[in-house]
Amino acid sequence: MPRKEYLCATDAAEPSEKPFPRRCPECGKVEVRPATIAYDAEVKHDGRLHAFHIPRLQINKCGACGEVLFSNVSNDQVTQALREHLVLLSPEQIRDALSKLGLRQKDFAERIGVAAETISRWIGGTHIQSRAMDNLMRLFFEFDNVRYALTSTVANNMLITTALTSRRRRSGN
């Protein structure tokens, strides 16, 4: 039978947490200690299952039954490894690009059509952007004409012009 992996909100790096060893939720013995393991992860993102290897994952492990318990540190490592595996912009890269452009998160969010809270989650590392949003951000950060086209006034005018042009073509004018 495969071992269960418990996701828990314990973080071995935080001094305010209970000291080790801790009680194992599986066997009940006080044998849970920090450990570093090689780990093959499978994470669903953008509707696909992605498999990747993490050579040094920091976890909590029961010395008695071998139960593996994920901490906040473990979860952060898995998230970072997934982002690297998918070659997505990191929170630091997004933050740096916005800083270089002199853009606030709110303004950036408006220009790419998402909520300001979404940008905050990407920059805070609590959510990973989709491949499509990552591609849009890369274009936005790299090309002036993309930034210009995504200003709300220009974008609205472009949509209106495109709609009028399409109507004229259909009506033969």
N, C-alpha and C. Protein backbone atom coordinates (compact mmCIF):
# COMPACT_ATOMS: atom_id res chain seq x y z
N MET A 1 0.85 -1.18 0.00
CA MET A 1 0.00 0.00 0.00
C MET A 1 0.89 1.24 0.00
N PRO A 2 0.62 2.25 -0.90
CA PRO A 2 1.47 3.44 -0.94
C PRO A 2 1.33 4.27 0.33
N ARG A 3 2.44 4.86 0.71
CA ARG A 3 2.42 5.71 1.90
C ARG A 3 1.67 6.99 1.62
N LYS A 4 0.94 7.48 2.62
CA LYS A 4 0.29 8.78 2.51
C LYS A 4 1.32 9.86 2.78
N GLU A 5 1.17 10.99 2.12
CA GLU A 5 2.02 12.14 2.40
C GLU A 5 1.12 13.21 2.98
N TYR A 6 1.40 13.62 4.18
CA TYR A 6 0.58 14.61 4.85
C TYR A 6 1.09 16.00 4.55
N LEU A 7 0.18 16.87 4.17
CA LEU A 7 0.51 18.27 4.03
C LEU A 7 0.15 18.91 5.35
N CYS A 8 1.11 19.55 5.96
CA CYS A 8 0.82 20.16 7.24
C CYS A 8 1.43 21.55 7.29
N ALA A 9 0.94 22.35 8.19
CA ALA A 9 1.38 23.74 8.28
C ALA A 9 2.54 23.90 9.24
N THR A 10 3.34 22.87 9.41
CA THR A 10 4.51 23.01 10.27
C THR A 10 5.69 23.44 9.44
N ASP A 11 6.56 24.19 10.02
CA ASP A 11 7.72 24.68 9.31
C ASP A 11 8.92 24.55 10.23
N ALA A 12 9.81 23.63 9.91
CA ALA A 12 10.96 23.36 10.78
C ALA A 12 11.85 24.56 10.97
N ALA A 13 11.80 25.53 10.07
CA ALA A 13 12.68 26.68 10.15
C ALA A 13 12.15 27.76 11.11
N GLU A 14 10.92 27.61 11.56
CA GLU A 14 10.34 28.63 12.42
C GLU A 14 10.57 28.28 13.89
N PRO A 15 11.23 29.17 14.62
CA PRO A 15 11.55 28.88 16.02
C PRO A 15 10.32 28.81 16.93
N SER A 16 9.19 29.39 16.51
CA SER A 16 8.01 29.39 17.37
C SER A 16 7.26 28.06 17.32
N GLU A 17 7.63 27.18 16.40
CA GLU A 17 6.96 25.89 16.27
C GLU A 17 7.37 24.95 17.40
N LYS A 18 6.59 23.88 17.57
CA LYS A 18 6.94 22.87 18.55
C LYS A 18 8.30 22.29 18.21
N PRO A 19 9.10 21.98 19.22
CA PRO A 19 10.42 21.41 18.96
C PRO A 19 10.30 19.97 18.46
N PHE A 20 11.36 19.52 17.83
CA PHE A 20 11.44 18.12 17.38
C PHE A 20 12.01 17.29 18.50
N PRO A 21 11.71 16.02 18.57
CA PRO A 21 10.82 15.28 17.69
C PRO A 21 9.35 15.58 17.98
N ARG A 22 8.51 15.33 16.96
CA ARG A 22 7.07 15.54 17.06
C ARG A 22 6.35 14.21 16.90
N ARG A 23 5.06 14.22 17.25
CA ARG A 23 4.24 13.01 17.15
C ARG A 23 3.83 12.77 15.70
N CYS A 24 3.94 11.56 15.26
CA CYS A 24 3.57 11.15 13.91
C CYS A 24 2.06 10.96 13.83
N PRO A 25 1.40 11.56 12.84
CA PRO A 25 -0.05 11.39 12.71
C PRO A 25 -0.44 9.97 12.24
N GLU A 26 0.51 9.23 11.70
CA GLU A 26 0.22 7.88 11.19
C GLU A 26 0.39 6.82 12.29
N CYS A 27 1.56 6.78 12.94
CA CYS A 27 1.82 5.72 13.92
C CYS A 27 1.69 6.19 15.37
N GLY A 28 1.66 7.52 15.57
CA GLY A 28 1.48 8.06 16.91
C GLY A 28 2.75 8.16 17.74
N LYS A 29 3.87 7.71 17.21
CA LYS A 29 5.13 7.76 17.97
C LYS A 29 5.76 9.15 17.81
N VAL A 30 6.49 9.55 18.82
CA VAL A 30 7.15 10.86 18.81
C VAL A 30 8.53 10.68 18.16
N GLU A 31 8.51 10.53 16.84
CA GLU A 31 9.72 10.23 16.09
C GLU A 31 9.86 11.08 14.82
N VAL A 32 9.04 12.15 14.69
CA VAL A 32 9.09 12.99 13.48
C VAL A 32 10.20 14.02 13.64
N ARG A 33 11.12 14.02 12.66
CA ARG A 33 12.26 14.93 12.67
C ARG A 33 12.47 15.49 11.25
N PRO A 34 13.17 16.62 11.15
CA PRO A 34 13.49 17.16 9.81
C PRO A 34 14.40 16.19 9.06
N ALA A 35 14.21 16.13 7.75
CA ALA A 35 15.04 15.28 6.89
C ALA A 35 15.11 15.92 5.51
N THR A 36 16.10 15.50 4.76
CA THR A 36 16.23 15.93 3.36
C THR A 36 16.22 14.68 2.51
N ILE A 37 15.34 14.68 1.49
CA ILE A 37 15.19 13.50 0.64
C ILE A 37 15.21 13.91 -0.84
N ALA A 38 15.50 12.96 -1.70
CA ALA A 38 15.27 13.13 -3.13
C ALA A 38 13.80 12.80 -3.35
N TYR A 39 13.12 13.59 -4.17
CA TYR A 39 11.67 13.44 -4.30
C TYR A 39 11.24 13.61 -5.75
N ASP A 40 10.43 12.67 -6.23
CA ASP A 40 9.84 12.78 -7.56
C ASP A 40 8.42 13.31 -7.39
N ALA A 41 8.22 14.53 -7.84
CA ALA A 41 6.93 15.20 -7.66
C ALA A 41 6.07 15.07 -8.91
N GLU A 42 4.77 15.05 -8.69
CA GLU A 42 3.79 15.14 -9.76
C GLU A 42 2.79 16.19 -9.33
N VAL A 43 2.69 17.26 -10.14
CA VAL A 43 1.83 18.38 -9.80
C VAL A 43 0.98 18.75 -11.02
N LYS A 44 -0.31 18.96 -10.80
CA LYS A 44 -1.19 19.37 -11.87
C LYS A 44 -1.16 20.90 -11.96
N HIS A 45 -0.89 21.40 -13.18
CA HIS A 45 -0.87 22.84 -13.43
C HIS A 45 -1.35 23.07 -14.86
N ASP A 46 -2.23 24.03 -15.03
CA ASP A 46 -2.77 24.35 -16.37
C ASP A 46 -3.45 23.14 -17.00
N GLY A 47 -4.07 22.30 -16.18
CA GLY A 47 -4.81 21.16 -16.70
C GLY A 47 -3.96 19.96 -17.09
N ARG A 48 -2.66 20.03 -16.80
CA ARG A 48 -1.76 18.92 -17.14
C ARG A 48 -1.01 18.47 -15.91
N LEU A 49 -0.67 17.20 -15.89
CA LEU A 49 0.14 16.65 -14.80
C LEU A 49 1.61 16.74 -15.20
N HIS A 50 2.40 17.38 -14.36
CA HIS A 50 3.83 17.56 -14.62
C HIS A 50 4.63 16.76 -13.61
N ALA A 51 5.57 15.98 -14.10
CA ALA A 51 6.45 15.19 -13.23
C ALA A 51 7.85 15.78 -13.30
N PHE A 52 8.47 15.93 -12.14
CA PHE A 52 9.82 16.47 -12.07
C PHE A 52 10.49 16.00 -10.79
N HIS A 53 11.80 16.10 -10.77
CA HIS A 53 12.60 15.58 -9.66
C HIS A 53 13.14 16.74 -8.81
N ILE A 54 13.06 16.60 -7.50
CA ILE A 54 13.64 17.56 -6.57
C ILE A 54 14.73 16.81 -5.81
N PRO A 55 16.01 17.14 -6.05
CA PRO A 55 17.10 16.35 -5.45
C PRO A 55 17.23 16.50 -3.93
N ARG A 56 16.85 17.64 -3.38
CA ARG A 56 17.04 17.85 -1.94
C ARG A 56 15.82 18.55 -1.35
N LEU A 57 14.75 17.80 -1.13
CA LEU A 57 13.52 18.34 -0.56
C LEU A 57 13.57 18.24 0.97
N GLN A 58 13.33 19.35 1.62
CA GLN A 58 13.33 19.37 3.09
C GLN A 58 11.93 19.01 3.57
N ILE A 59 11.83 17.93 4.31
CA ILE A 59 10.55 17.44 4.81
C ILE A 59 10.70 17.10 6.29
N ASN A 60 9.61 16.67 6.88
CA ASN A 60 9.63 16.08 8.21
C ASN A 60 9.29 14.61 8.02
N LYS A 61 10.03 13.73 8.70
CA LYS A 61 9.86 12.29 8.48
C LYS A 61 9.85 11.55 9.81
N CYS A 62 8.96 10.58 9.90
CA CYS A 62 8.88 9.75 11.10
C CYS A 62 9.96 8.68 11.04
N GLY A 63 10.77 8.63 12.07
CA GLY A 63 11.84 7.63 12.14
C GLY A 63 11.30 6.24 12.43
N ALA A 64 10.07 6.15 12.95
CA ALA A 64 9.51 4.84 13.29
C ALA A 64 8.83 4.18 12.10
N CYS A 65 7.95 4.92 11.41
CA CYS A 65 7.18 4.29 10.33
C CYS A 65 7.55 4.81 8.94
N GLY A 66 8.40 5.86 8.87
CA GLY A 66 8.84 6.40 7.58
C GLY A 66 7.88 7.39 6.95
N GLU A 67 6.81 7.74 7.67
CA GLU A 67 5.82 8.69 7.14
C GLU A 67 6.49 10.01 6.78
N VAL A 68 6.13 10.55 5.61
CA VAL A 68 6.67 11.82 5.14
C VAL A 68 5.63 12.91 5.35
N LEU A 69 6.04 13.99 5.99
CA LEU A 69 5.14 15.11 6.25
C LEU A 69 5.71 16.37 5.61
N PHE A 70 4.90 17.01 4.79
CA PHE A 70 5.34 18.23 4.13
C PHE A 70 5.11 19.42 5.05
N SER A 71 6.07 20.33 5.04
CA SER A 71 5.98 21.57 5.81
C SER A 71 5.78 22.73 4.84
N ASN A 72 5.66 23.93 5.35
CA ASN A 72 5.58 25.11 4.48
C ASN A 72 6.84 25.21 3.62
N VAL A 73 7.97 24.89 4.20
CA VAL A 73 9.24 24.91 3.45
C VAL A 73 9.18 23.91 2.31
N SER A 74 8.67 22.71 2.57
CA SER A 74 8.55 21.67 1.54
C SER A 74 7.65 22.15 0.40
N ASN A 75 6.51 22.70 0.77
CA ASN A 75 5.56 23.18 -0.23
C ASN A 75 6.17 24.28 -1.08
N ASP A 76 6.90 25.20 -0.46
CA ASP A 76 7.57 26.28 -1.20
C ASP A 76 8.61 25.70 -2.17
N GLN A 77 9.32 24.69 -1.73
CA GLN A 77 10.33 24.06 -2.60
C GLN A 77 9.68 23.39 -3.80
N VAL A 78 8.55 22.73 -3.59
CA VAL A 78 7.84 22.08 -4.69
C VAL A 78 7.33 23.14 -5.67
N THR A 79 6.78 24.23 -5.16
CA THR A 79 6.29 25.31 -6.02
C THR A 79 7.42 25.90 -6.85
N GLN A 80 8.55 26.16 -6.21
CA GLN A 80 9.70 26.72 -6.92
C GLN A 80 10.21 25.74 -7.98
N ALA A 81 10.26 24.47 -7.65
CA ALA A 81 10.73 23.46 -8.60
C ALA A 81 9.78 23.34 -9.79
N LEU A 82 8.47 23.44 -9.54
CA LEU A 82 7.50 23.40 -10.63
C LEU A 82 7.69 24.59 -11.55
N ARG A 83 7.83 25.76 -10.96
CA ARG A 83 8.04 26.98 -11.74
C ARG A 83 9.29 26.84 -12.62
N GLU A 84 10.38 26.30 -12.05
CA GLU A 84 11.62 26.09 -12.80
C GLU A 84 11.43 25.03 -13.88
N HIS A 85 10.72 23.96 -13.57
CA HIS A 85 10.46 22.90 -14.53
C HIS A 85 9.69 23.43 -15.74
N LEU A 86 8.72 24.31 -15.48
CA LEU A 86 7.89 24.87 -16.55
C LEU A 86 8.51 26.10 -17.21
N VAL A 87 9.64 26.56 -16.67
CA VAL A 87 10.36 27.75 -17.15
C VAL A 87 9.41 28.95 -17.15
N LEU A 88 8.76 29.17 -16.02
CA LEU A 88 7.88 30.32 -15.83
C LEU A 88 8.63 31.42 -15.10
N LEU A 89 8.21 32.66 -15.31
CA LEU A 89 8.82 33.78 -14.60
C LEU A 89 8.67 33.57 -13.09
N SER A 90 9.71 33.88 -12.36
CA SER A 90 9.67 33.78 -10.90
C SER A 90 9.05 35.05 -10.33
N PRO A 91 8.60 35.01 -9.08
CA PRO A 91 8.09 36.23 -8.45
C PRO A 91 9.11 37.37 -8.50
N GLU A 92 10.39 37.05 -8.30
CA GLU A 92 11.43 38.07 -8.33
C GLU A 92 11.57 38.68 -9.72
N GLN A 93 11.48 37.85 -10.75
CA GLN A 93 11.58 38.35 -12.12
C GLN A 93 10.41 39.28 -12.46
N ILE A 94 9.22 38.91 -12.02
CA ILE A 94 8.04 39.76 -12.26
C ILE A 94 8.21 41.09 -11.52
N ARG A 95 8.59 41.01 -10.26
CA ARG A 95 8.79 42.22 -9.44
C ARG A 95 9.85 43.12 -10.06
N ASP A 96 10.98 42.54 -10.49
CA ASP A 96 12.06 43.32 -11.09
C ASP A 96 11.63 43.99 -12.39
N ALA A 97 10.88 43.26 -13.21
CA ALA A 97 10.42 43.82 -14.49
C ALA A 97 9.47 44.99 -14.25
N LEU A 98 8.58 44.87 -13.29
CA LEU A 98 7.66 45.97 -12.98
C LEU A 98 8.43 47.17 -12.46
N SER A 99 9.43 46.92 -11.63
CA SER A 99 10.25 48.00 -11.09
C SER A 99 11.00 48.73 -12.21
N LYS A 100 11.59 47.98 -13.13
CA LYS A 100 12.32 48.58 -14.26
C LYS A 100 11.41 49.44 -15.12
N LEU A 101 10.15 49.02 -15.25
CA LEU A 101 9.19 49.77 -16.06
C LEU A 101 8.52 50.89 -15.26
N GLY A 102 8.78 50.92 -13.96
CA GLY A 102 8.16 51.94 -13.10
C GLY A 102 6.65 51.76 -12.98
N LEU A 103 6.19 50.52 -13.03
CA LEU A 103 4.76 50.23 -12.97
C LEU A 103 4.36 49.71 -11.60
N ARG A 104 3.21 50.16 -11.15
CA ARG A 104 2.62 49.62 -9.93
C ARG A 104 1.86 48.34 -10.29
N GLN A 105 1.70 47.47 -9.32
CA GLN A 105 0.98 46.21 -9.54
C GLN A 105 -0.43 46.48 -10.07
N LYS A 106 -1.09 47.46 -9.52
CA LYS A 106 -2.46 47.79 -9.92
C LYS A 106 -2.52 48.19 -11.39
N ASP A 107 -1.61 49.04 -11.83
CA ASP A 107 -1.58 49.49 -13.21
C ASP A 107 -1.27 48.33 -14.16
N PHE A 108 -0.32 47.51 -13.77
CA PHE A 108 0.05 46.34 -14.56
C PHE A 108 -1.16 45.41 -14.71
N ALA A 109 -1.86 45.18 -13.60
CA ALA A 109 -3.03 44.29 -13.61
C ALA A 109 -4.08 44.81 -14.59
N GLU A 110 -4.34 46.10 -14.56
CA GLU A 110 -5.32 46.69 -15.48
C GLU A 110 -4.91 46.47 -16.92
N ARG A 111 -3.64 46.65 -17.20
CA ARG A 111 -3.16 46.57 -18.58
C ARG A 111 -3.18 45.16 -19.13
N ILE A 112 -2.98 44.15 -18.29
CA ILE A 112 -3.02 42.78 -18.83
C ILE A 112 -4.36 42.09 -18.56
N GLY A 113 -5.29 42.80 -17.89
CA GLY A 113 -6.65 42.29 -17.74
C GLY A 113 -6.87 41.30 -16.63
N VAL A 114 -6.14 41.46 -15.51
CA VAL A 114 -6.37 40.61 -14.34
C VAL A 114 -6.59 41.50 -13.12
N ALA A 115 -7.02 40.90 -12.04
CA ALA A 115 -7.20 41.65 -10.78
C ALA A 115 -5.85 41.95 -10.16
N ALA A 116 -5.77 43.08 -9.47
CA ALA A 116 -4.52 43.46 -8.78
C ALA A 116 -4.12 42.38 -7.78
N GLU A 117 -5.10 41.72 -7.18
CA GLU A 117 -4.82 40.66 -6.22
C GLU A 117 -4.11 39.48 -6.88
N THR A 118 -4.41 39.25 -8.14
CA THR A 118 -3.76 38.17 -8.88
C THR A 118 -2.27 38.46 -9.03
N ILE A 119 -1.95 39.69 -9.39
CA ILE A 119 -0.54 40.08 -9.50
C ILE A 119 0.14 39.93 -8.16
N SER A 120 -0.53 40.35 -7.11
CA SER A 120 0.03 40.24 -5.76
C SER A 120 0.31 38.78 -5.40
N ARG A 121 -0.57 37.88 -5.78
CA ARG A 121 -0.37 36.45 -5.50
C ARG A 121 0.81 35.89 -6.29
N TRP A 122 0.96 36.32 -7.54
CA TRP A 122 2.10 35.86 -8.35
C TRP A 122 3.40 36.37 -7.75
N ILE A 123 3.43 37.64 -7.38
CA ILE A 123 4.65 38.23 -6.83
C ILE A 123 4.94 37.68 -5.43
N GLY A 124 3.89 37.38 -4.68
CA GLY A 124 4.06 36.81 -3.35
C GLY A 124 4.41 35.33 -3.38
N GLY A 125 4.29 34.71 -4.55
CA GLY A 125 4.62 33.30 -4.69
C GLY A 125 3.54 32.35 -4.23
N THR A 126 2.35 32.86 -3.89
CA THR A 126 1.29 31.96 -3.42
C THR A 126 0.53 31.30 -4.56
N HIS A 127 0.61 31.87 -5.77
CA HIS A 127 0.00 31.28 -6.96
C HIS A 127 1.01 31.29 -8.11
N ILE A 128 0.87 30.33 -9.00
CA ILE A 128 1.72 30.26 -10.17
C ILE A 128 0.86 30.63 -11.39
N GLN A 129 1.38 31.55 -12.18
CA GLN A 129 0.64 32.00 -13.36
C GLN A 129 0.55 30.89 -14.39
N SER A 130 -0.48 30.97 -15.22
CA SER A 130 -0.62 30.00 -16.31
C SER A 130 0.44 30.28 -17.37
N ARG A 131 0.64 29.30 -18.24
CA ARG A 131 1.59 29.49 -19.35
C ARG A 131 1.15 30.67 -20.21
N ALA A 132 -0.14 30.80 -20.48
CA ALA A 132 -0.64 31.90 -21.31
C ALA A 132 -0.33 33.25 -20.67
N MET A 133 -0.56 33.38 -19.36
CA MET A 133 -0.27 34.64 -18.68
C MET A 133 1.23 34.90 -18.62
N ASP A 134 2.01 33.86 -18.46
CA ASP A 134 3.46 34.01 -18.45
C ASP A 134 3.94 34.53 -19.81
N ASN A 135 3.39 33.97 -20.88
CA ASN A 135 3.74 34.44 -22.22
C ASN A 135 3.36 35.90 -22.41
N LEU A 136 2.16 36.27 -21.96
CA LEU A 136 1.71 37.66 -22.08
C LEU A 136 2.63 38.59 -21.29
N MET A 137 3.00 38.19 -20.07
CA MET A 137 3.90 39.02 -19.27
C MET A 137 5.25 39.19 -19.96
N ARG A 138 5.79 38.12 -20.51
CA ARG A 138 7.08 38.21 -21.20
C ARG A 138 7.00 39.20 -22.38
N LEU A 139 5.93 39.12 -23.14
CA LEU A 139 5.75 40.07 -24.25
C LEU A 139 5.62 41.49 -23.73
N PHE A 140 4.82 41.66 -22.70
CA PHE A 140 4.59 42.98 -22.11
C PHE A 140 5.91 43.58 -21.61
N PHE A 141 6.70 42.80 -20.91
CA PHE A 141 7.95 43.31 -20.35
C PHE A 141 8.98 43.62 -21.42
N GLU A 142 8.95 42.88 -22.53
CA GLU A 142 9.99 43.00 -23.54
C GLU A 142 9.73 44.05 -24.62
N PHE A 143 8.46 44.26 -24.99
CA PHE A 143 8.16 45.08 -26.16
C PHE A 143 7.32 46.31 -25.85
N ASP A 144 7.85 47.47 -26.21
CA ASP A 144 7.13 48.74 -25.99
C ASP A 144 5.78 48.74 -26.69
N ASN A 145 5.74 48.23 -27.93
CA ASN A 145 4.49 48.27 -28.69
C ASN A 145 3.40 47.42 -28.03
N VAL A 146 3.78 46.35 -27.35
CA VAL A 146 2.79 45.53 -26.62
C VAL A 146 2.27 46.33 -25.44
N ARG A 147 3.16 46.98 -24.71
CA ARG A 147 2.72 47.81 -23.58
C ARG A 147 1.80 48.91 -24.06
N TYR A 148 2.14 49.53 -25.19
CA TYR A 148 1.33 50.60 -25.75
C TYR A 148 -0.05 50.07 -26.16
N ALA A 149 -0.07 48.93 -26.83
CA ALA A 149 -1.34 48.36 -27.29
C ALA A 149 -2.24 47.95 -26.14
N LEU A 150 -1.66 47.65 -25.00
CA LEU A 150 -2.47 47.19 -23.86
C LEU A 150 -2.89 48.31 -22.92
N THR A 151 -2.63 49.56 -23.26
CA THR A 151 -3.20 50.64 -22.46
C THR A 151 -4.68 50.64 -22.75
N SER A 152 -5.50 50.91 -21.76
CA SER A 152 -6.95 50.74 -21.93
C SER A 152 -7.51 51.58 -23.07
N THR A 153 -7.11 52.83 -23.23
CA THR A 153 -7.64 53.69 -24.28
C THR A 153 -7.26 53.16 -25.65
N VAL A 154 -6.00 52.82 -25.82
CA VAL A 154 -5.53 52.30 -27.10
C VAL A 154 -6.21 50.98 -27.42
N ALA A 155 -6.29 50.10 -26.43
CA ALA A 155 -6.90 48.79 -26.66
C ALA A 155 -8.36 48.94 -27.05
N ASN A 156 -9.10 49.82 -26.37
CA ASN A 156 -10.52 50.04 -26.71
C ASN A 156 -10.64 50.60 -28.12
N ASN A 157 -9.81 51.58 -28.46
CA ASN A 157 -9.86 52.15 -29.81
C ASN A 157 -9.53 51.11 -30.87
N MET A 158 -8.54 50.24 -30.57
CA MET A 158 -8.18 49.19 -31.53
C MET A 158 -9.35 48.23 -31.73
N LEU A 159 -10.05 47.87 -30.67
CA LEU A 159 -11.19 46.97 -30.78
C LEU A 159 -12.30 47.60 -31.60
N ILE A 160 -12.58 48.88 -31.35
CA ILE A 160 -13.63 49.58 -32.08
C ILE A 160 -13.26 49.67 -33.56
N THR A 161 -12.00 50.04 -33.85
CA THR A 161 -11.55 50.14 -35.23
C THR A 161 -11.65 48.79 -35.94
N THR A 162 -11.24 47.74 -35.28
CA THR A 162 -11.31 46.40 -35.85
C THR A 162 -12.76 46.00 -36.12
N ALA A 163 -13.65 46.29 -35.19
CA ALA A 163 -15.06 45.95 -35.36
C ALA A 163 -15.66 46.72 -36.53
N LEU A 164 -15.35 48.01 -36.64
CA LEU A 164 -15.88 48.83 -37.74
C LEU A 164 -15.35 48.35 -39.09
N THR A 165 -14.07 48.02 -39.13
CA THR A 165 -13.46 47.52 -40.37
C THR A 165 -14.12 46.21 -40.80
N SER A 166 -14.38 45.34 -39.87
CA SER A 166 -15.03 44.06 -40.17
C SER A 166 -16.43 44.28 -40.71
N ARG A 167 -17.17 45.20 -40.11
CA ARG A 167 -18.54 45.49 -40.57
C ARG A 167 -18.52 46.03 -41.99
N ARG A 168 -17.59 46.95 -42.25
CA ARG A 168 -17.51 47.55 -43.59
C ARG A 168 -17.20 46.48 -44.64
N ARG A 169 -16.31 45.55 -44.31
CA ARG A 169 -15.95 44.48 -45.24
C ARG A 169 -17.16 43.60 -45.54
N ARG A 170 -17.93 43.28 -44.50
CA ARG A 170 -19.10 42.42 -44.68
C ARG A 170 -20.19 43.10 -45.49
N SER A 171 -20.32 44.43 -45.28
CA SER A 171 -21.38 45.13 -46.00
C SER A 171 -20.94 45.58 -47.40
N GLY A 172 -19.65 45.44 -47.70
CA GLY A 172 -19.14 45.77 -49.03
C GLY A 172 -18.76 47.23 -49.20
N ASN A 173 -18.72 48.00 -48.14
CA ASN A 173 -18.33 49.43 -48.22
C ASN A 173 -16.86 49.61 -48.15
